[in-house]
Protein backbone atom coordinates (compact mmCIF):
# COMPACT_ATOMS: atom_id res chain seq x y z
CA MET A 1 71.12 74.60 18.34
CA ASN A 2 72.05 72.87 15.43
CA LEU A 3 72.55 69.07 15.58
CA THR A 4 75.53 67.65 14.19
CA PRO A 5 76.04 65.29 11.04
CA GLU A 6 76.39 62.37 13.46
CA GLU A 7 73.42 62.89 14.93
CA ILE A 8 71.47 63.69 12.02
CA LYS A 9 72.62 60.74 10.58
CA MET A 10 71.48 58.78 13.86
CA VAL A 11 68.08 60.05 12.94
CA ALA A 12 68.01 59.05 9.69
CA ASP A 13 69.47 55.63 10.31
CA GLN A 14 66.26 55.42 12.74
CA VAL A 15 63.76 56.30 10.18
CA ARG A 16 65.48 53.76 7.41
CA ASN A 17 65.66 51.12 10.00
CA ALA A 18 61.59 51.65 10.48
CA ARG A 19 61.62 50.14 6.78
CA VAL A 20 60.45 53.72 5.53
CA THR A 21 61.75 53.15 1.72
CA LEU A 22 59.78 56.51 0.15
CA THR A 23 62.84 58.82 -0.24
CA THR A 24 61.00 62.04 -0.37
CA LEU A 25 59.01 60.36 2.97
CA GLN A 26 62.42 59.71 4.60
CA GLU A 27 63.25 62.95 3.87
CA ASP A 28 60.44 65.01 5.54
CA LEU A 29 60.73 62.58 8.23
CA VAL A 30 64.28 63.33 8.95
CA ASP A 31 63.68 67.03 8.74
CA HIS A 32 60.58 67.09 11.55
CA LEU A 33 62.32 64.73 13.78
CA CYS A 34 65.54 66.85 13.46
CA CYS A 35 63.58 70.04 14.26
CA ALA A 36 62.12 68.62 17.28
CA VAL A 37 64.87 67.12 18.49
CA GLU A 38 66.61 70.44 18.23
CA ARG A 39 64.00 71.96 20.47
CA ASN A 40 64.19 69.21 23.18
CA VAL A 41 67.97 69.54 23.06
CA GLU A 42 67.32 73.26 23.61
CA GLY A 43 65.06 72.75 26.33
CA GLY A 44 67.76 70.68 28.33
CA LYS A 45 67.45 67.25 27.32
CA SER A 46 69.61 64.86 26.16
CA PHE A 47 69.78 63.85 22.30
CA GLU A 48 68.78 60.33 22.85
CA ASN A 49 65.83 61.35 25.37
CA SER A 50 64.91 64.34 22.83
CA LEU A 51 65.04 61.78 19.79
CA LYS A 52 62.75 59.40 21.63
CA GLU A 53 60.39 61.62 22.93
CA ALA A 54 60.61 62.98 19.28
CA LEU A 55 59.72 59.65 17.68
CA ARG A 56 56.94 59.12 20.28
CA GLU A 57 54.71 62.06 19.70
CA LEU A 58 55.33 61.96 15.68
CA ALA A 59 54.59 58.47 15.63
CA PRO A 60 53.26 56.36 18.75
CA ASP A 61 52.22 53.49 16.28
CA GLY A 62 56.09 53.51 14.80
CA LEU A 63 57.12 55.12 11.77
CA TYR A 64 56.48 52.29 9.90
CA GLU A 65 52.31 53.12 9.78
CA ILE A 66 53.23 56.67 8.57
CA GLN A 67 54.68 54.62 5.32
CA LYS A 68 51.75 52.32 5.25
CA GLU A 69 49.24 55.20 5.46
CA THR A 70 51.35 57.11 2.82
CA ASP A 71 51.18 54.32 0.52
CA TYR A 72 47.29 54.07 0.67
CA LEU A 73 47.24 57.77 -0.02
CA LEU A 74 49.29 57.45 -2.97
CA ASP A 75 46.90 54.46 -4.22
CA SER A 76 43.52 55.63 -3.33
CA LYS A 77 43.29 57.70 -6.69
CA TYR A 78 44.48 54.82 -8.83
CA LEU A 79 42.16 52.14 -6.80
CA ILE A 80 39.28 54.79 -6.88
CA THR A 81 39.74 55.37 -11.05
CA MET A 82 40.21 51.25 -11.07
CA LYS A 83 36.56 51.11 -9.20
CA LYS A 84 34.81 53.43 -11.30
CA LEU A 85 36.21 51.83 -14.79
CA THR A 86 35.04 48.29 -13.61
CA TYR A 87 31.68 49.70 -12.63
CA LEU A 88 31.34 51.46 -15.69
CA PHE A 89 32.17 48.45 -17.80
CA GLY A 90 29.50 46.38 -15.77
CA LEU A 91 26.87 48.87 -16.12
CA PHE A 92 27.16 49.58 -19.85
CA SER A 93 27.78 45.51 -20.68
CA ALA A 94 24.83 44.96 -18.77
CA MET A 95 22.54 48.09 -20.62
CA ALA A 96 23.79 46.31 -24.10
CA MET A 97 22.58 43.04 -23.02
CA SER A 98 19.48 44.35 -22.14
CA PHE A 99 18.97 46.59 -25.08
CA GLY A 100 20.03 43.77 -27.07
CA TRP A 101 17.15 41.62 -25.90
CA LEU A 102 14.18 44.42 -26.44
CA LEU A 103 15.50 44.57 -29.69
CA ARG A 104 14.83 40.91 -30.31
CA ILE A 105 11.58 41.17 -28.35
CA LEU A 106 10.50 43.85 -31.03
CA ARG A 107 11.46 41.33 -33.92
CA MET A 108 14.87 43.00 -34.73
CA ALA A 109 16.69 39.73 -33.76
CA GLU A 110 20.10 40.71 -36.03
CA LEU A 111 20.67 44.10 -34.44
CA GLY A 112 19.38 42.67 -30.92
CA ASN A 113 22.14 39.47 -31.48
CA ALA A 114 24.75 41.94 -32.20
CA VAL A 115 23.88 44.59 -29.34
CA PHE A 116 23.52 41.45 -27.14
CA ALA A 117 26.87 39.98 -28.38
CA PHE A 118 28.74 43.41 -27.17
CA GLY A 119 27.60 43.68 -24.02
CA ALA A 120 28.27 40.02 -22.91
CA LEU A 121 31.49 40.09 -24.70
CA GLY A 122 32.23 43.49 -22.42
CA PHE A 123 30.74 41.59 -19.21
CA VAL A 124 32.64 38.64 -19.42
CA ALA A 125 36.10 39.73 -21.04
CA LEU A 126 36.28 43.17 -18.94
CA PHE A 127 33.63 43.64 -16.16
CA LEU A 128 34.30 40.13 -14.45
CA PRO A 129 38.34 40.14 -14.48
CA LEU A 130 38.27 43.76 -13.37
CA LEU A 131 35.72 42.57 -10.21
CA ILE A 132 38.24 40.03 -9.69
CA ILE A 133 41.08 42.30 -9.42
CA ASN A 134 39.24 44.84 -7.24
CA TYR A 135 38.04 42.12 -4.98
CA PHE A 136 41.75 40.79 -4.43
CA ARG A 137 42.85 44.39 -3.44
CA ASP A 138 40.12 45.13 -1.03
CA ASN A 139 40.00 41.39 0.69
CA VAL A 140 43.82 40.74 1.10
CA SER A 141 43.26 39.75 4.75
CA LYS A 142 40.37 36.99 3.65
CA ALA A 143 40.37 33.55 4.77
CA LEU A 144 41.65 31.47 1.82
CA PRO A 145 38.39 29.78 1.50
CA ASP A 146 36.33 32.99 0.69
CA LYS A 147 38.95 34.23 -1.90
CA LEU A 148 38.90 30.73 -3.49
CA ARG A 149 34.98 30.67 -3.87
CA PHE A 150 34.79 34.57 -5.59
CA VAL A 151 37.50 33.07 -8.00
CA PHE A 152 35.79 29.68 -8.65
CA GLY A 153 32.20 31.96 -9.00
CA ALA A 154 33.86 34.59 -11.33
CA LEU A 155 35.51 31.80 -13.39
CA SER A 156 32.55 29.92 -14.03
CA ALA A 157 30.20 33.07 -14.66
CA ILE A 158 33.20 34.16 -17.28
CA PHE A 159 33.13 30.57 -18.85
CA ILE A 160 29.41 30.29 -18.94
CA GLY A 161 28.88 33.71 -20.37
CA ILE A 162 31.56 32.93 -23.21
CA ALA A 163 29.64 29.78 -23.78
CA PHE A 164 26.45 31.36 -23.99
CA LEU A 165 27.57 34.01 -26.50
CA ALA A 166 29.04 31.46 -28.62
CA LYS A 167 25.58 29.47 -28.64
CA ILE A 168 23.95 32.77 -29.55
CA MET A 169 26.51 33.29 -32.56
CA HIS A 170 26.76 29.87 -33.57
CA MET A 171 30.15 29.40 -32.82
CA PRO A 172 31.93 26.29 -32.72
CA GLY A 173 33.24 25.23 -28.81
CA ALA A 174 30.37 26.35 -27.00
CA ASP A 175 29.49 23.22 -25.55
CA GLU A 176 33.04 22.51 -24.66
CA VAL A 177 33.36 26.08 -22.79
CA LEU A 178 30.01 25.35 -21.07
CA TRP A 179 31.32 22.02 -19.86
CA ILE A 180 34.28 23.69 -18.30
CA GLY A 181 32.30 26.65 -16.52
CA GLY A 182 29.63 24.26 -15.00
CA THR A 183 32.45 22.38 -13.61
CA LEU A 184 34.21 25.14 -12.20
CA PHE A 185 30.59 26.02 -10.77
CA THR A 186 29.95 22.60 -9.45
CA PHE A 187 32.78 21.21 -7.96
CA GLY A 188 34.72 24.48 -7.15
CA PHE A 189 32.05 27.50 -6.19
CA LEU A 190 29.50 25.52 -4.52
CA PRO A 191 31.76 23.59 -2.22
CA PHE A 192 33.46 26.93 -0.77
CA LEU A 193 29.75 28.29 -0.96
CA PHE A 194 28.70 25.62 1.58
CA LEU A 195 31.84 25.34 3.61
CA THR A 196 31.33 29.33 4.35
CA LEU A 197 27.75 28.66 5.12
CA TYR A 198 28.63 26.34 6.92
CA ARG A 199 31.21 28.11 9.03
CA LYS A 200 29.12 31.02 9.56
CA SER A 201 26.17 28.86 10.81
CA ILE A 202 28.62 27.11 13.54
CA SER A 203 30.10 30.79 14.88
CA GLN A 204 26.38 31.90 14.99
CA THR A 205 25.52 28.75 16.92
CA LYS A 206 28.55 29.57 19.25
CA GLN A 207 27.32 32.72 20.18
């Protein structure tokens, strides 16, 4: 038995009211629910009871959970690519800085400075900002102090890294940038770090 246009519209309204926003997912859910409802109606059940049963079997936790799972699957490839790029930038930057120091030790200071500067620039301009982005994507539900601790720590590392690079390259403004980085570390990162350590200590004591 086929459902009437009015009944199909009721099924579609049920899907839309569940905050399912992806058009293709809406269509798939409506088709699946209509088929399940038709089978139940043919078995002698009413349309309303058939629809409730179909919804319960398809999504016990609600249709929006299917939307969230679909969003996660669609985003997962992008997130994995972002993570690969982040840690590849970090790896190559660290390798360049390490090799730069090695060249300096081997008395190839000019080449060593250039290689180290290239690695340091990649570390502070690419790796650390991408690390912050990935952190916030992975820790949306984290407490605000934890987020602020990470942000202040990463920003201080960026500014201190830029200042260190400027010192090596004998560029102006290194002291000012180092001052900003040191201030962020001292009055931003450290207070939130010790706040987190204090909270963990209190929670362990209560246990």
